[in-house]
Amino acid sequence: MYIGNYVLLGPRVTIITGDHRTDIVGKHISEVTDNEKLVEHDADVVIKDGVWIGTNVTILKGVTVGEGCVIAAGSVVTKNTSPYGIYAGTPAKKIKDRFTPEQLEKHLALLEKK
């Protein structure tokens, strides 16, 4: 898992980086060991710089949250997000951009000066 700089996390954020096997005959799921997991059952989560993740958000394995994104409270992020988008829902979908193209250009120029 990687969490960038200037990231805000609300309370009760859950980041999931793996799944359980559910296909082993003769074993309860709780009996399956890490040695029996498949490589594709685990994947890192990447949260880029300047992201704000609201309360009770769940981010699933393999997701990259793009730079400057806002993830609304209660959302479940199942797929990568594009930079500077605002996402909400279950599963999370882009509802709008944070900035117009002109505002984004100015925002990035000002950040570069810091």
PDB file of N, CA and C in Angstrom:
ATOM      1  N   MET A   1       0.849  -1.166   0.000  1.00  0.00           N
ATOM      2  CA  MET A   1       0.000   0.000   0.000  1.00  0.00           C
ATOM      3  C   MET A   1       0.898   1.233   0.000  1.00  0.00           C
ATOM      4  N   TYR A   2       0.469   2.252  -0.746  1.00  0.00           N
ATOM      5  CA  TYR A   2       1.185   3.519  -0.804  1.00  0.00           C
ATOM      6  C   TYR A   2       0.181   4.643  -0.592  1.00  0.00           C
ATOM      7  N   ILE A   3       0.514   5.555   0.318  1.00  0.00           N
ATOM      8  CA  ILE A   3      -0.302   6.750   0.541  1.00  0.00           C
ATOM      9  C   ILE A   3       0.610   7.955   0.333  1.00  0.00           C
ATOM     10  N   GLY A   4       0.223   8.826  -0.593  1.00  0.00           N
ATOM     11  CA  GLY A   4       1.031   9.985  -0.954  1.00  0.00           C
ATOM     12  C   GLY A   4       1.014  11.077   0.093  1.00  0.00           C
ATOM     13  N   ASN A   5       1.494  12.240  -0.301  1.00  0.00           N
ATOM     14  CA  ASN A   5       1.555  13.421   0.560  1.00  0.00           C
ATOM     15  C   ASN A   5       0.250  14.210   0.477  1.00  0.00           C
ATOM     16  N   TYR A   6      -0.022  14.957   1.533  1.00  0.00           N
ATOM     17  CA  TYR A   6      -1.177  15.855   1.598  1.00  0.00           C
ATOM     18  C   TYR A   6      -2.502  15.114   1.437  1.00  0.00           C
ATOM     19  N   VAL A   7      -2.582  13.910   1.982  1.00  0.00           N
ATOM     20  CA  VAL A   7      -3.786  13.086   1.896  1.00  0.00           C
ATOM     21  C   VAL A   7      -4.588  13.259   3.184  1.00  0.00           C
ATOM     22  N   LEU A   8      -5.893  13.477   3.036  1.00  0.00           N
ATOM     23  CA  LEU A   8      -6.803  13.558   4.177  1.00  0.00           C
ATOM     24  C   LEU A   8      -7.664  12.302   4.205  1.00  0.00           C
ATOM     25  N   LEU A   9      -7.729  11.666   5.370  1.00  0.00           N
ATOM     26  CA  LEU A   9      -8.568  10.471   5.557  1.00  0.00           C
ATOM     27  C   LEU A   9      -9.588  10.763   6.635  1.00  0.00           C
ATOM     28  N   GLY A  10     -10.859  10.582   6.311  1.00  0.00           N
ATOM     29  CA  GLY A  10     -11.900  10.704   7.317  1.00  0.00           C
ATOM     30  C   GLY A  10     -11.898   9.490   8.236  1.00  0.00           C
ATOM     31  N   PRO A  11     -12.747   9.501   9.258  1.00  0.00           N
ATOM     32  CA  PRO A  11     -12.830   8.354  10.164  1.00  0.00           C
ATOM     33  C   PRO A  11     -13.359   7.103   9.467  1.00  0.00           C
ATOM     34  N   ARG A  12     -12.923   5.964   9.935  1.00  0.00           N
ATOM     35  CA  ARG A  12     -13.411   4.648   9.515  1.00  0.00           C
ATOM     36  C   ARG A  12     -13.217   4.371   8.027  1.00  0.00           C
ATOM     37  N   VAL A  13     -12.085   4.792   7.483  1.00  0.00           N
ATOM     38  CA  VAL A  13     -11.728   4.429   6.110  1.00  0.00           C
ATOM     39  C   VAL A  13     -11.160   3.007   6.139  1.00  0.00           C
ATOM     40  N   THR A  14     -11.598   2.181   5.192  1.00  0.00           N
ATOM     41  CA  THR A  14     -11.125   0.799   5.101  1.00  0.00           C
ATOM     42  C   THR A  14     -10.433   0.604   3.759  1.00  0.00           C
ATOM     43  N   ILE A  15      -9.199   0.085   3.826  1.00  0.00           N
ATOM     44  CA  ILE A  15      -8.431  -0.194   2.622  1.00  0.00           C
ATOM     45  C   ILE A  15      -8.162  -1.689   2.583  1.00  0.00           C
ATOM     46  N   ILE A  16      -8.686  -2.348   1.555  1.00  0.00           N
ATOM     47  CA  ILE A  16      -8.592  -3.801   1.421  1.00  0.00           C
ATOM     48  C   ILE A  16      -7.545  -4.119   0.359  1.00  0.00           C
ATOM     49  N   THR A  17      -6.540  -4.912   0.709  1.00  0.00           N
ATOM     50  CA  THR A  17      -5.497  -5.252  -0.265  1.00  0.00           C
ATOM     51  C   THR A  17      -5.511  -6.726  -0.651  1.00  0.00           C
ATOM     52  N   GLY A  18      -6.524  -7.472  -0.199  1.00  0.00           N
ATOM     53  CA  GLY A  18      -6.561  -8.885  -0.555  1.00  0.00           C
ATOM     54  C   GLY A  18      -7.938  -9.488  -0.422  1.00  0.00           C
ATOM     55  N   ASP A  19      -8.091 -10.652  -1.032  1.00  0.00           N
ATOM     56  CA  ASP A  19      -9.328 -11.431  -0.979  1.00  0.00           C
ATOM     57  C   ASP A  19      -9.036 -12.799  -0.384  1.00  0.00           C
ATOM     58  N   HIS A  20     -10.085 -13.515  -0.056  1.00  0.00           N
ATOM     59  CA  HIS A  20      -9.977 -14.882   0.440  1.00  0.00           C
ATOM     60  C   HIS A  20     -10.345 -15.857  -0.674  1.00  0.00           C
ATOM     61  N   ARG A  21      -9.781 -17.031  -0.605  1.00  0.00           N
ATOM     62  CA  ARG A  21     -10.210 -18.091  -1.522  1.00  0.00           C
ATOM     63  C   ARG A  21     -11.556 -18.613  -1.053  1.00  0.00           C
ATOM     64  N   THR A  22     -12.433 -18.852  -1.985  1.00  0.00           N
ATOM     65  CA  THR A  22     -13.758 -19.369  -1.657  1.00  0.00           C
ATOM     66  C   THR A  22     -14.049 -20.662  -2.401  1.00  0.00           C
ATOM     67  N   ASP A  23     -13.017 -21.193  -3.070  1.00  0.00           N
ATOM     68  CA  ASP A  23     -13.233 -22.325  -3.978  1.00  0.00           C
ATOM     69  C   ASP A  23     -12.571 -23.625  -3.524  1.00  0.00           C
ATOM     70  N   ILE A  24     -12.136 -23.715  -2.271  1.00  0.00           N
ATOM     71  CA  ILE A  24     -11.478 -24.937  -1.816  1.00  0.00           C
ATOM     72  C   ILE A  24     -12.524 -25.855  -1.188  1.00  0.00           C
ATOM     73  N   VAL A  25     -12.738 -26.974  -1.830  1.00  0.00           N
ATOM     74  CA  VAL A  25     -13.729 -27.954  -1.377  1.00  0.00           C
ATOM     75  C   VAL A  25     -13.231 -28.620  -0.085  1.00  0.00           C
ATOM     76  N   GLY A  26     -14.119 -28.772   0.876  1.00  0.00           N
ATOM     77  CA  GLY A  26     -13.790 -29.473   2.110  1.00  0.00           C
ATOM     78  C   GLY A  26     -13.170 -28.600   3.184  1.00  0.00           C
ATOM     79  N   LYS A  27     -13.100 -27.291   2.956  1.00  0.00           N
ATOM     80  CA  LYS A  27     -12.563 -26.375   3.970  1.00  0.00           C
ATOM     81  C   LYS A  27     -13.515 -25.202   4.154  1.00  0.00           C
ATOM     82  N   HIS A  28     -13.658 -24.785   5.404  1.00  0.00           N
ATOM     83  CA  HIS A  28     -14.350 -23.528   5.674  1.00  0.00           C
ATOM     84  C   HIS A  28     -13.418 -22.399   5.251  1.00  0.00           C
ATOM     85  N   ILE A  29     -13.969 -21.270   4.862  1.00  0.00           N
ATOM     86  CA  ILE A  29     -13.155 -20.145   4.417  1.00  0.00           C
ATOM     87  C   ILE A  29     -12.131 -19.761   5.485  1.00  0.00           C
ATOM     88  N   SER A  30     -12.520 -19.833   6.749  1.00  0.00           N
ATOM     89  CA  SER A  30     -11.601 -19.463   7.831  1.00  0.00           C
ATOM     90  C   SER A  30     -10.431 -20.427   7.972  1.00  0.00           C
ATOM     91  N   GLU A  31     -10.514 -21.618   7.363  1.00  0.00           N
ATOM     92  CA  GLU A  31      -9.433 -22.607   7.444  1.00  0.00           C
ATOM     93  C   GLU A  31      -8.399 -22.452   6.324  1.00  0.00           C
ATOM     94  N   VAL A  32      -8.690 -21.646   5.332  1.00  0.00           N
ATOM     95  CA  VAL A  32      -7.774 -21.467   4.207  1.00  0.00           C
ATOM     96  C   VAL A  32      -6.568 -20.655   4.686  1.00  0.00           C
ATOM     97  N   THR A  33      -5.369 -21.158   4.399  1.00  0.00           N
ATOM     98  CA  THR A  33      -4.145 -20.501   4.856  1.00  0.00           C
ATOM     99  C   THR A  33      -3.614 -19.537   3.805  1.00  0.00           C
ATOM    100  N   ASP A  34      -2.699 -18.675   4.242  1.00  0.00           N
ATOM    101  CA  ASP A  34      -2.053 -17.747   3.308  1.00  0.00           C
ATOM    102  C   ASP A  34      -1.299 -18.501   2.217  1.00  0.00           C
ATOM    103  N   ASN A  35      -0.763 -19.666   2.535  1.00  0.00           N
ATOM    104  CA  ASN A  35      -0.033 -20.472   1.545  1.00  0.00           C
ATOM    105  C   ASN A  35      -0.946 -20.962   0.420  1.00  0.00           C
ATOM    106  N   GLU A  36      -2.240 -21.023   0.667  1.00  0.00           N
ATOM    107  CA  GLU A  36      -3.191 -21.490  -0.339  1.00  0.00           C
ATOM    108  C   GLU A  36      -3.760 -20.350  -1.191  1.00  0.00           C
ATOM    109  N   LYS A  37      -3.425 -19.116  -0.823  1.00  0.00           N
ATOM    110  CA  LYS A  37      -3.912 -17.972  -1.606  1.00  0.00           C
ATOM    111  C   LYS A  37      -3.242 -17.949  -2.969  1.00  0.00           C
ATOM    112  N   LEU A  38      -3.932 -17.387  -3.939  1.00  0.00           N
ATOM    113  CA  LEU A  38      -3.380 -17.199  -5.271  1.00  0.00           C
ATOM    114  C   LEU A  38      -2.842 -15.773  -5.396  1.00  0.00           C
ATOM    115  N   VAL A  39      -1.847 -15.593  -6.248  1.00  0.00           N
ATOM    116  CA  VAL A  39      -1.220 -14.287  -6.423  1.00  0.00           C
ATOM    117  C   VAL A  39      -2.253 -13.208  -6.755  1.00  0.00           C
ATOM    118  N   GLU A  40      -3.216 -13.544  -7.594  1.00  0.00           N
ATOM    119  CA  GLU A  40      -4.216 -12.548  -8.014  1.00  0.00           C
ATOM    120  C   GLU A  40      -5.187 -12.144  -6.901  1.00  0.00           C
ATOM    121  N   HIS A  41      -5.123 -12.803  -5.764  1.00  0.00           N
ATOM    122  CA  HIS A  41      -6.003 -12.450  -4.645  1.00  0.00           C
ATOM    123  C   HIS A  41      -5.497 -11.249  -3.853  1.00  0.00           C
ATOM    124  N   ASP A  42      -4.259 -10.831  -4.085  1.00  0.00           N
ATOM    125  CA  ASP A  42      -3.697  -9.688  -3.374  1.00  0.00           C
ATOM    126  C   ASP A  42      -3.217  -8.649  -4.376  1.00  0.00           C
ATOM    127  N   ALA A  43      -3.450  -7.382  -4.079  1.00  0.00           N
ATOM    128  CA  ALA A  43      -2.965  -6.287  -4.922  1.00  0.00           C
ATOM    129  C   ALA A  43      -2.917  -5.009  -4.091  1.00  0.00           C
ATOM    130  N   ASP A  44      -1.852  -4.248  -4.263  1.00  0.00           N
ATOM    131  CA  ASP A  44      -1.689  -3.005  -3.516  1.00  0.00           C
ATOM    132  C   ASP A  44      -2.749  -1.971  -3.881  1.00  0.00           C
ATOM    133  N   VAL A  45      -2.965  -1.068  -2.955  1.00  0.00           N
ATOM    134  CA  VAL A  45      -3.770   0.126  -3.177  1.00  0.00           C
ATOM    135  C   VAL A  45      -2.802   1.299  -3.204  1.00  0.00           C
ATOM    136  N   VAL A  46      -2.988   2.208  -4.150  1.00  0.00           N
ATOM    137  CA  VAL A  46      -2.152   3.404  -4.259  1.00  0.00           C
ATOM    138  C   VAL A  46      -3.062   4.627  -4.140  1.00  0.00           C
ATOM    139  N   ILE A  47      -2.708   5.502  -3.217  1.00  0.00           N
ATOM    140  CA  ILE A  47      -3.442   6.754  -3.036  1.00  0.00           C
ATOM    141  C   ILE A  47      -2.449   7.869  -3.339  1.00  0.00           C
ATOM    142  N   LYS A  48      -2.687   8.598  -4.415  1.00  0.00           N
ATOM    143  CA  LYS A  48      -1.765   9.637  -4.878  1.00  0.00           C
ATOM    144  C   LYS A  48      -1.873  10.899  -4.009  1.00  0.00           C
ATOM    145  N   ASP A  49      -1.018  11.867  -4.281  1.00  0.00           N
ATOM    146  CA  ASP A  49      -0.957  13.104  -3.505  1.00  0.00           C
ATOM    147  C   ASP A  49      -2.256  13.904  -3.578  1.00  0.00           C
ATOM    148  N   GLY A  50      -2.542  14.614  -2.474  1.00  0.00           N
ATOM    149  CA  GLY A  50      -3.616  15.594  -2.457  1.00  0.00           C
ATOM    150  C   GLY A  50      -5.027  15.031  -2.479  1.00  0.00           C
ATOM    151  N   VAL A  51      -5.193  13.798  -2.071  1.00  0.00           N
ATOM    152  CA  VAL A  51      -6.508  13.131  -2.100  1.00  0.00           C
ATOM    153  C   VAL A  51      -7.240  13.373  -0.781  1.00  0.00           C
ATOM    154  N   TRP A  52      -8.548  13.500  -0.870  1.00  0.00           N
ATOM    155  CA  TRP A  52      -9.393  13.590   0.320  1.00  0.00           C
ATOM    156  C   TRP A  52     -10.367  12.417   0.269  1.00  0.00           C
ATOM    157  N   ILE A  53     -10.295  11.558   1.275  1.00  0.00           N
ATOM    158  CA  ILE A  53     -11.160  10.379   1.364  1.00  0.00           C
ATOM    159  C   ILE A  53     -12.081  10.573   2.560  1.00  0.00           C
ATOM    160  N   GLY A  54     -13.385  10.574   2.308  1.00  0.00           N
ATOM    161  CA  GLY A  54     -14.374  10.848   3.339  1.00  0.00           C
ATOM    162  C   GLY A  54     -14.611   9.684   4.296  1.00  0.00           C
ATOM    163  N   THR A  55     -15.457   9.937   5.261  1.00  0.00           N
ATOM    164  CA  THR A  55     -15.830   8.974   6.293  1.00  0.00           C
ATOM    165  C   THR A  55     -16.447   7.710   5.692  1.00  0.00           C
ATOM    166  N   ASN A  56     -16.099   6.566   6.264  1.00  0.00           N
ATOM    167  CA  ASN A  56     -16.690   5.264   5.909  1.00  0.00           C
ATOM    168  C   ASN A  56     -16.469   4.857   4.456  1.00  0.00           C
ATOM    169  N   VAL A  57     -15.399   5.312   3.853  1.00  0.00           N
ATOM    170  CA  VAL A  57     -15.064   4.896   2.494  1.00  0.00           C
ATOM    171  C   VAL A  57     -14.343   3.551   2.557  1.00  0.00           C
ATOM    172  N   THR A  58     -14.629   2.682   1.593  1.00  0.00           N
ATOM    173  CA  THR A  58     -13.900   1.426   1.425  1.00  0.00           C
ATOM    174  C   THR A  58     -13.228   1.460   0.065  1.00  0.00           C
ATOM    175  N   ILE A  59     -11.928   1.139   0.046  1.00  0.00           N
ATOM    176  CA  ILE A  59     -11.167   1.068  -1.199  1.00  0.00           C
ATOM    177  C   ILE A  59     -10.701  -0.374  -1.357  1.00  0.00           C
ATOM    178  N   LEU A  60     -11.043  -0.988  -2.499  1.00  0.00           N
ATOM    179  CA  LEU A  60     -10.733  -2.398  -2.720  1.00  0.00           C
ATOM    180  C   LEU A  60      -9.382  -2.591  -3.381  1.00  0.00           C
ATOM    181  N   LYS A  61      -8.899  -3.814  -3.324  1.00  0.00           N
ATOM    182  CA  LYS A  61      -7.556  -4.171  -3.798  1.00  0.00           C
ATOM    183  C   LYS A  61      -7.312  -3.744  -5.236  1.00  0.00           C
ATOM    184  N   GLY A  62      -6.058  -3.346  -5.489  1.00  0.00           N
ATOM    185  CA  GLY A  62      -5.642  -3.024  -6.836  1.00  0.00           C
ATOM    186  C   GLY A  62      -6.022  -1.656  -7.344  1.00  0.00           C
ATOM    187  N   VAL A  63      -6.688  -0.843  -6.529  1.00  0.00           N
ATOM    188  CA  VAL A  63      -7.172   0.470  -6.968  1.00  0.00           C
ATOM    189  C   VAL A  63      -6.083   1.527  -6.803  1.00  0.00           C
ATOM    190  N   THR A  64      -5.998   2.427  -7.776  1.00  0.00           N
ATOM    191  CA  THR A  64      -5.199   3.644  -7.649  1.00  0.00           C
ATOM    192  C   THR A  64      -6.158   4.822  -7.613  1.00  0.00           C
ATOM    193  N   VAL A  65      -6.066   5.597  -6.533  1.00  0.00           N
ATOM    194  CA  VAL A  65      -6.867   6.819  -6.405  1.00  0.00           C
ATOM    195  C   VAL A  65      -5.999   7.949  -6.945  1.00  0.00           C
ATOM    196  N   GLY A  66      -6.449   8.559  -8.030  1.00  0.00           N
ATOM    197  CA  GLY A  66      -5.676   9.567  -8.747  1.00  0.00           C
ATOM    198  C   GLY A  66      -5.431  10.829  -7.938  1.00  0.00           C
ATOM    199  N   GLU A  67      -4.368  11.525  -8.306  1.00  0.00           N
ATOM    200  CA  GLU A  67      -3.962  12.758  -7.630  1.00  0.00           C
ATOM    201  C   GLU A  67      -5.129  13.731  -7.525  1.00  0.00           C
ATOM    202  N   GLY A  68      -5.274  14.318  -6.324  1.00  0.00           N
ATOM    203  CA  GLY A  68      -6.249  15.373  -6.119  1.00  0.00           C
ATOM    204  C   GLY A  68      -7.704  14.956  -6.084  1.00  0.00           C
ATOM    205  N   CYS A  69      -7.975  13.667  -6.067  1.00  0.00           N
ATOM    206  CA  CYS A  69      -9.370  13.186  -6.052  1.00  0.00           C
ATOM    207  C   CYS A  69     -10.045  13.456  -4.713  1.00  0.00           C
ATOM    208  N   VAL A  70     -11.349  13.549  -4.768  1.00  0.00           N
ATOM    209  CA  VAL A  70     -12.194  13.572  -3.580  1.00  0.00           C
ATOM    210  C   VAL A  70     -13.094  12.350  -3.666  1.00  0.00           C
ATOM    211  N   ILE A  71     -13.114  11.554  -2.600  1.00  0.00           N
ATOM    212  CA  ILE A  71     -13.978  10.382  -2.528  1.00  0.00           C
ATOM    213  C   ILE A  71     -15.029  10.663  -1.461  1.00  0.00           C
ATOM    214  N   ALA A  72     -16.286  10.700  -1.860  1.00  0.00           N
ATOM    215  CA  ALA A  72     -17.382  11.067  -0.958  1.00  0.00           C
ATOM    216  C   ALA A  72     -17.595  10.020   0.125  1.00  0.00           C
ATOM    217  N   ALA A  73     -18.074  10.475   1.268  1.00  0.00           N
ATOM    218  CA  ALA A  73     -18.349   9.607   2.412  1.00  0.00           C
ATOM    219  C   ALA A  73     -19.228   8.433   2.010  1.00  0.00           C
ATOM    220  N   GLY A  74     -18.894   7.260   2.522  1.00  0.00           N
ATOM    221  CA  GLY A  74     -19.703   6.066   2.303  1.00  0.00           C
ATOM    222  C   GLY A  74     -19.481   5.377   0.972  1.00  0.00           C
ATOM    223  N   SER A  75     -18.578   5.877   0.156  1.00  0.00           N
ATOM    224  CA  SER A  75     -18.350   5.289  -1.172  1.00  0.00           C
ATOM    225  C   SER A  75     -17.536   4.000  -1.074  1.00  0.00           C
ATOM    226  N   VAL A  76     -17.695   3.150  -2.087  1.00  0.00           N
ATOM    227  CA  VAL A  76     -16.880   1.944  -2.237  1.00  0.00           C
ATOM    228  C   VAL A  76     -16.153   2.072  -3.573  1.00  0.00           C
ATOM    229  N   VAL A  77     -14.823   2.206  -3.501  1.00  0.00           N
ATOM    230  CA  VAL A  77     -14.019   2.433  -4.699  1.00  0.00           C
ATOM    231  C   VAL A  77     -13.528   1.075  -5.205  1.00  0.00           C
ATOM    232  N   THR A  78     -14.017   0.680  -6.373  1.00  0.00           N
ATOM    233  CA  THR A  78     -13.697  -0.628  -6.940  1.00  0.00           C
ATOM    234  C   THR A  78     -12.785  -0.543  -8.157  1.00  0.00           C
ATOM    235  N   LYS A  79     -12.618   0.678  -8.704  1.00  0.00           N
ATOM    236  CA  LYS A  79     -11.808   0.880  -9.913  1.00  0.00           C
ATOM    237  C   LYS A  79     -10.957   2.131  -9.751  1.00  0.00           C
ATOM    238  N   ASN A  80      -9.900   2.224 -10.552  1.00  0.00           N
ATOM    239  CA  ASN A  80      -9.031   3.397 -10.527  1.00  0.00           C
ATOM    240  C   ASN A  80      -9.829   4.664 -10.795  1.00  0.00           C
ATOM    241  N   THR A  81      -9.369   5.758 -10.185  1.00  0.00           N
ATOM    242  CA  THR A  81     -10.011   7.045 -10.394  1.00  0.00           C
ATOM    243  C   THR A  81      -9.071   7.956 -11.180  1.00  0.00           C
ATOM    244  N   SER A  82      -9.634   8.875 -11.937  1.00  0.00           N
ATOM    245  CA  SER A  82      -8.820   9.820 -12.697  1.00  0.00           C
ATOM    246  C   SER A  82      -8.455  11.005 -11.801  1.00  0.00           C
ATOM    247  N   PRO A  83      -7.318  11.651 -12.089  1.00  0.00           N
ATOM    248  CA  PRO A  83      -6.897  12.775 -11.255  1.00  0.00           C
ATOM    249  C   PRO A  83      -7.946  13.888 -11.188  1.00  0.00           C
ATOM    250  N   TYR A  84      -8.066  14.472 -10.017  1.00  0.00           N
ATOM    251  CA  TYR A  84      -8.898  15.636  -9.752  1.00  0.00           C
ATOM    252  C   TYR A  84     -10.379  15.429 -10.034  1.00  0.00           C
ATOM    253  N   GLY A  85     -10.832  14.185  -9.909  1.00  0.00           N
ATOM    254  CA  GLY A  85     -12.256  13.902 -10.025  1.00  0.00           C
ATOM    255  C   GLY A  85     -12.897  13.832  -8.655  1.00  0.00           C
ATOM    256  N   ILE A  86     -14.203  13.988  -8.635  1.00  0.00           N
ATOM    257  CA  ILE A  86     -14.990  13.783  -7.412  1.00  0.00           C
ATOM    258  C   ILE A  86     -15.832  12.539  -7.654  1.00  0.00           C
ATOM    259  N   TYR A  87     -15.702  11.566  -6.749  1.00  0.00           N
ATOM    260  CA  TYR A  87     -16.340  10.260  -6.894  1.00  0.00           C
ATOM    261  C   TYR A  87     -17.267  10.001  -5.717  1.00  0.00           C
ATOM    262  N   ALA A  88     -18.381   9.332  -6.005  1.00  0.00           N
ATOM    263  CA  ALA A  88     -19.347   9.005  -4.959  1.00  0.00           C
ATOM    264  C   ALA A  88     -20.119   7.755  -5.353  1.00  0.00           C
ATOM    265  N   GLY A  89     -20.613   7.044  -4.334  1.00  0.00           N
ATOM    266  CA  GLY A  89     -21.522   5.930  -4.563  1.00  0.00           C
ATOM    267  C   GLY A  89     -20.907   4.574  -4.330  1.00  0.00           C
ATOM    268  N   THR A  90     -21.764   3.566  -4.542  1.00  0.00           N
ATOM    269  CA  THR A  90     -21.381   2.163  -4.381  1.00  0.00           C
ATOM    270  C   THR A  90     -21.859   1.406  -5.610  1.00  0.00           C
ATOM    271  N   PRO A  91     -20.972   1.084  -6.536  1.00  0.00           N
ATOM    272  CA  PRO A  91     -19.559   1.433  -6.554  1.00  0.00           C
ATOM    273  C   PRO A  91     -19.379   2.917  -6.893  1.00  0.00           C
ATOM    274  N   ALA A  92     -18.233   3.472  -6.494  1.00  0.00           N
ATOM    275  CA  ALA A  92     -17.968   4.894  -6.725  1.00  0.00           C
ATOM    276  C   ALA A  92     -17.885   5.191  -8.212  1.00  0.00           C
ATOM    277  N   LYS A  93     -18.530   6.271  -8.601  1.00  0.00           N
ATOM    278  CA  LYS A  93     -18.502   6.745  -9.988  1.00  0.00           C
ATOM    279  C   LYS A  93     -18.150   8.230  -9.965  1.00  0.00           C
ATOM    280  N   LYS A  94     -17.511   8.666 -11.037  1.00  0.00           N
ATOM    281  CA  LYS A  94     -17.154  10.087 -11.128  1.00  0.00           C
ATOM    282  C   LYS A  94     -18.419  10.906 -11.311  1.00  0.00           C
ATOM    283  N   ILE A  95     -18.594  11.898 -10.433  1.00  0.00           N
ATOM    284  CA  ILE A  95     -19.775  12.753 -10.537  1.00  0.00           C
ATOM    285  C   ILE A  95     -19.439  14.114 -11.132  1.00  0.00           C
ATOM    286  N   LYS A  96     -18.171  14.524 -11.017  1.00  0.00           N
ATOM    287  CA  LYS A  96     -17.740  15.759 -11.660  1.00  0.00           C
ATOM    288  C   LYS A  96     -16.236  15.938 -11.481  1.00  0.00           C
ATOM    289  N   ASP A  97     -15.691  16.923 -12.167  1.00  0.00           N
ATOM    290  CA  ASP A  97     -14.296  17.314 -11.994  1.00  0.00           C
ATOM    291  C   ASP A  97     -14.213  18.381 -10.908  1.00  0.00           C
ATOM    292  N   ARG A  98     -13.090  18.409 -10.203  1.00  0.00           N
ATOM    293  CA  ARG A  98     -12.900  19.442  -9.182  1.00  0.00           C
ATOM    294  C   ARG A  98     -12.717  20.817  -9.797  1.00  0.00           C
ATOM    295  N   PHE A  99     -12.059  20.878 -10.939  1.00  0.00           N
ATOM    296  CA  PHE A  99     -11.701  22.148 -11.558  1.00  0.00           C
ATOM    297  C   PHE A  99     -12.052  22.151 -13.037  1.00  0.00           C
ATOM    298  N   THR A 100     -12.232  23.342 -13.588  1.00  0.00           N
ATOM    299  CA  THR A 100     -12.275  23.485 -15.039  1.00  0.00           C
ATOM    300  C   THR A 100     -10.843  23.280 -15.553  1.00  0.00           C
ATOM    301  N   PRO A 101     -10.659  23.051 -16.850  1.00  0.00           N
ATOM    302  CA  PRO A 101      -9.292  22.913 -17.362  1.00  0.00           C
ATOM    303  C   PRO A 101      -8.401  24.124 -17.036  1.00  0.00           C
ATOM    304  N   GLU A 102      -8.947  25.319 -17.105  1.00  0.00           N
ATOM    305  CA  GLU A 102      -8.176  26.528 -16.805  1.00  0.00           C
ATOM    306  C   GLU A 102      -7.801  26.574 -15.326  1.00  0.00           C
ATOM    307  N   GLN A 103      -8.749  26.246 -14.451  1.00  0.00           N
ATOM    308  CA  GLN A 103      -8.471  26.220 -13.015  1.00  0.00           C
ATOM    309  C   GLN A 103      -7.420  25.160 -12.680  1.00  0.00           C
ATOM    310  N   LEU A 104      -7.516  24.003 -13.316  1.00  0.00           N
ATOM    311  CA  LEU A 104      -6.554  22.930 -13.050  1.00  0.00           C
ATOM    312  C   LEU A 104      -5.152  23.359 -13.460  1.00  0.00           C
ATOM    313  N   GLU A 105      -5.035  24.024 -14.609  1.00  0.00           N
ATOM    314  CA  GLU A 105      -3.731  24.506 -15.060  1.00  0.00           C
ATOM    315  C   GLU A 105      -3.140  25.487 -14.038  1.00  0.00           C
ATOM    316  N   LYS A 106      -3.956  26.402 -13.551  1.00  0.00           N
ATOM    317  CA  LYS A 106      -3.497  27.369 -12.544  1.00  0.00           C
ATOM    318  C   LYS A 106      -3.142  26.661 -11.242  1.00  0.00           C
ATOM    319  N   HIS A 107      -3.984  25.726 -10.816  1.00  0.00           N
ATOM    320  CA  HIS A 107      -3.756  24.964  -9.579  1.00  0.00           C
ATOM    321  C   HIS A 107      -2.395  24.244  -9.646  1.00  0.00           C
ATOM    322  N   LEU A 108      -2.138  23.551 -10.736  1.00  0.00           N
ATOM    323  CA  LEU A 108      -0.897  22.801 -10.878  1.00  0.00           C
ATOM    324  C   LEU A 108       0.314  23.735 -10.923  1.00  0.00           C
ATOM    325  N   ALA A 109       0.184  24.895 -11.563  1.00  0.00           N
ATOM    326  CA  ALA A 109       1.274  25.868 -11.609  1.00  0.00           C
ATOM    327  C   ALA A 109       1.582  26.411 -10.209  1.00  0.00           C
ATOM    328  N   LEU A 110       0.543  26.695  -9.454  1.00  0.00           N
ATOM    329  CA  LEU A 110       0.753  27.192  -8.085  1.00  0.00           C
ATOM    330  C   LEU A 110       1.372  26.129  -7.180  1.00  0.00           C
ATOM    331  N   LEU A 111       0.955  24.878  -7.325  1.00  0.00           N
ATOM    332  CA  LEU A 111       1.560  23.801  -6.535  1.00  0.00           C
ATOM    333  C   LEU A 111       3.030  23.621  -6.874  1.00  0.00           C
ATOM    334  N   GLU A 112       3.366  23.811  -8.131  1.00  0.00           N
ATOM    335  CA  GLU A 112       4.746  23.655  -8.589  1.00  0.00           C
ATOM    336  C   GLU A 112       5.667  24.689  -7.947  1.00  0.00           C
ATOM    337  N   LYS A 113       5.133  25.875  -7.620  1.00  0.00           N
ATOM    338  CA  LYS A 113       5.922  26.944  -7.021  1.00  0.00           C
ATOM    339  C   LYS A 113       6.230  26.703  -5.545  1.00  0.00           C
ATOM    340  N   LYS A 114       5.506  25.800  -4.916  1.00  0.00           N
ATOM    341  CA  LYS A 114       5.696  25.557  -3.460  1.00  0.00           C
ATOM    342  C   LYS A 114       6.998  24.856  -3.191  1.00  0.00           C
TER     343      LYS A 114
END
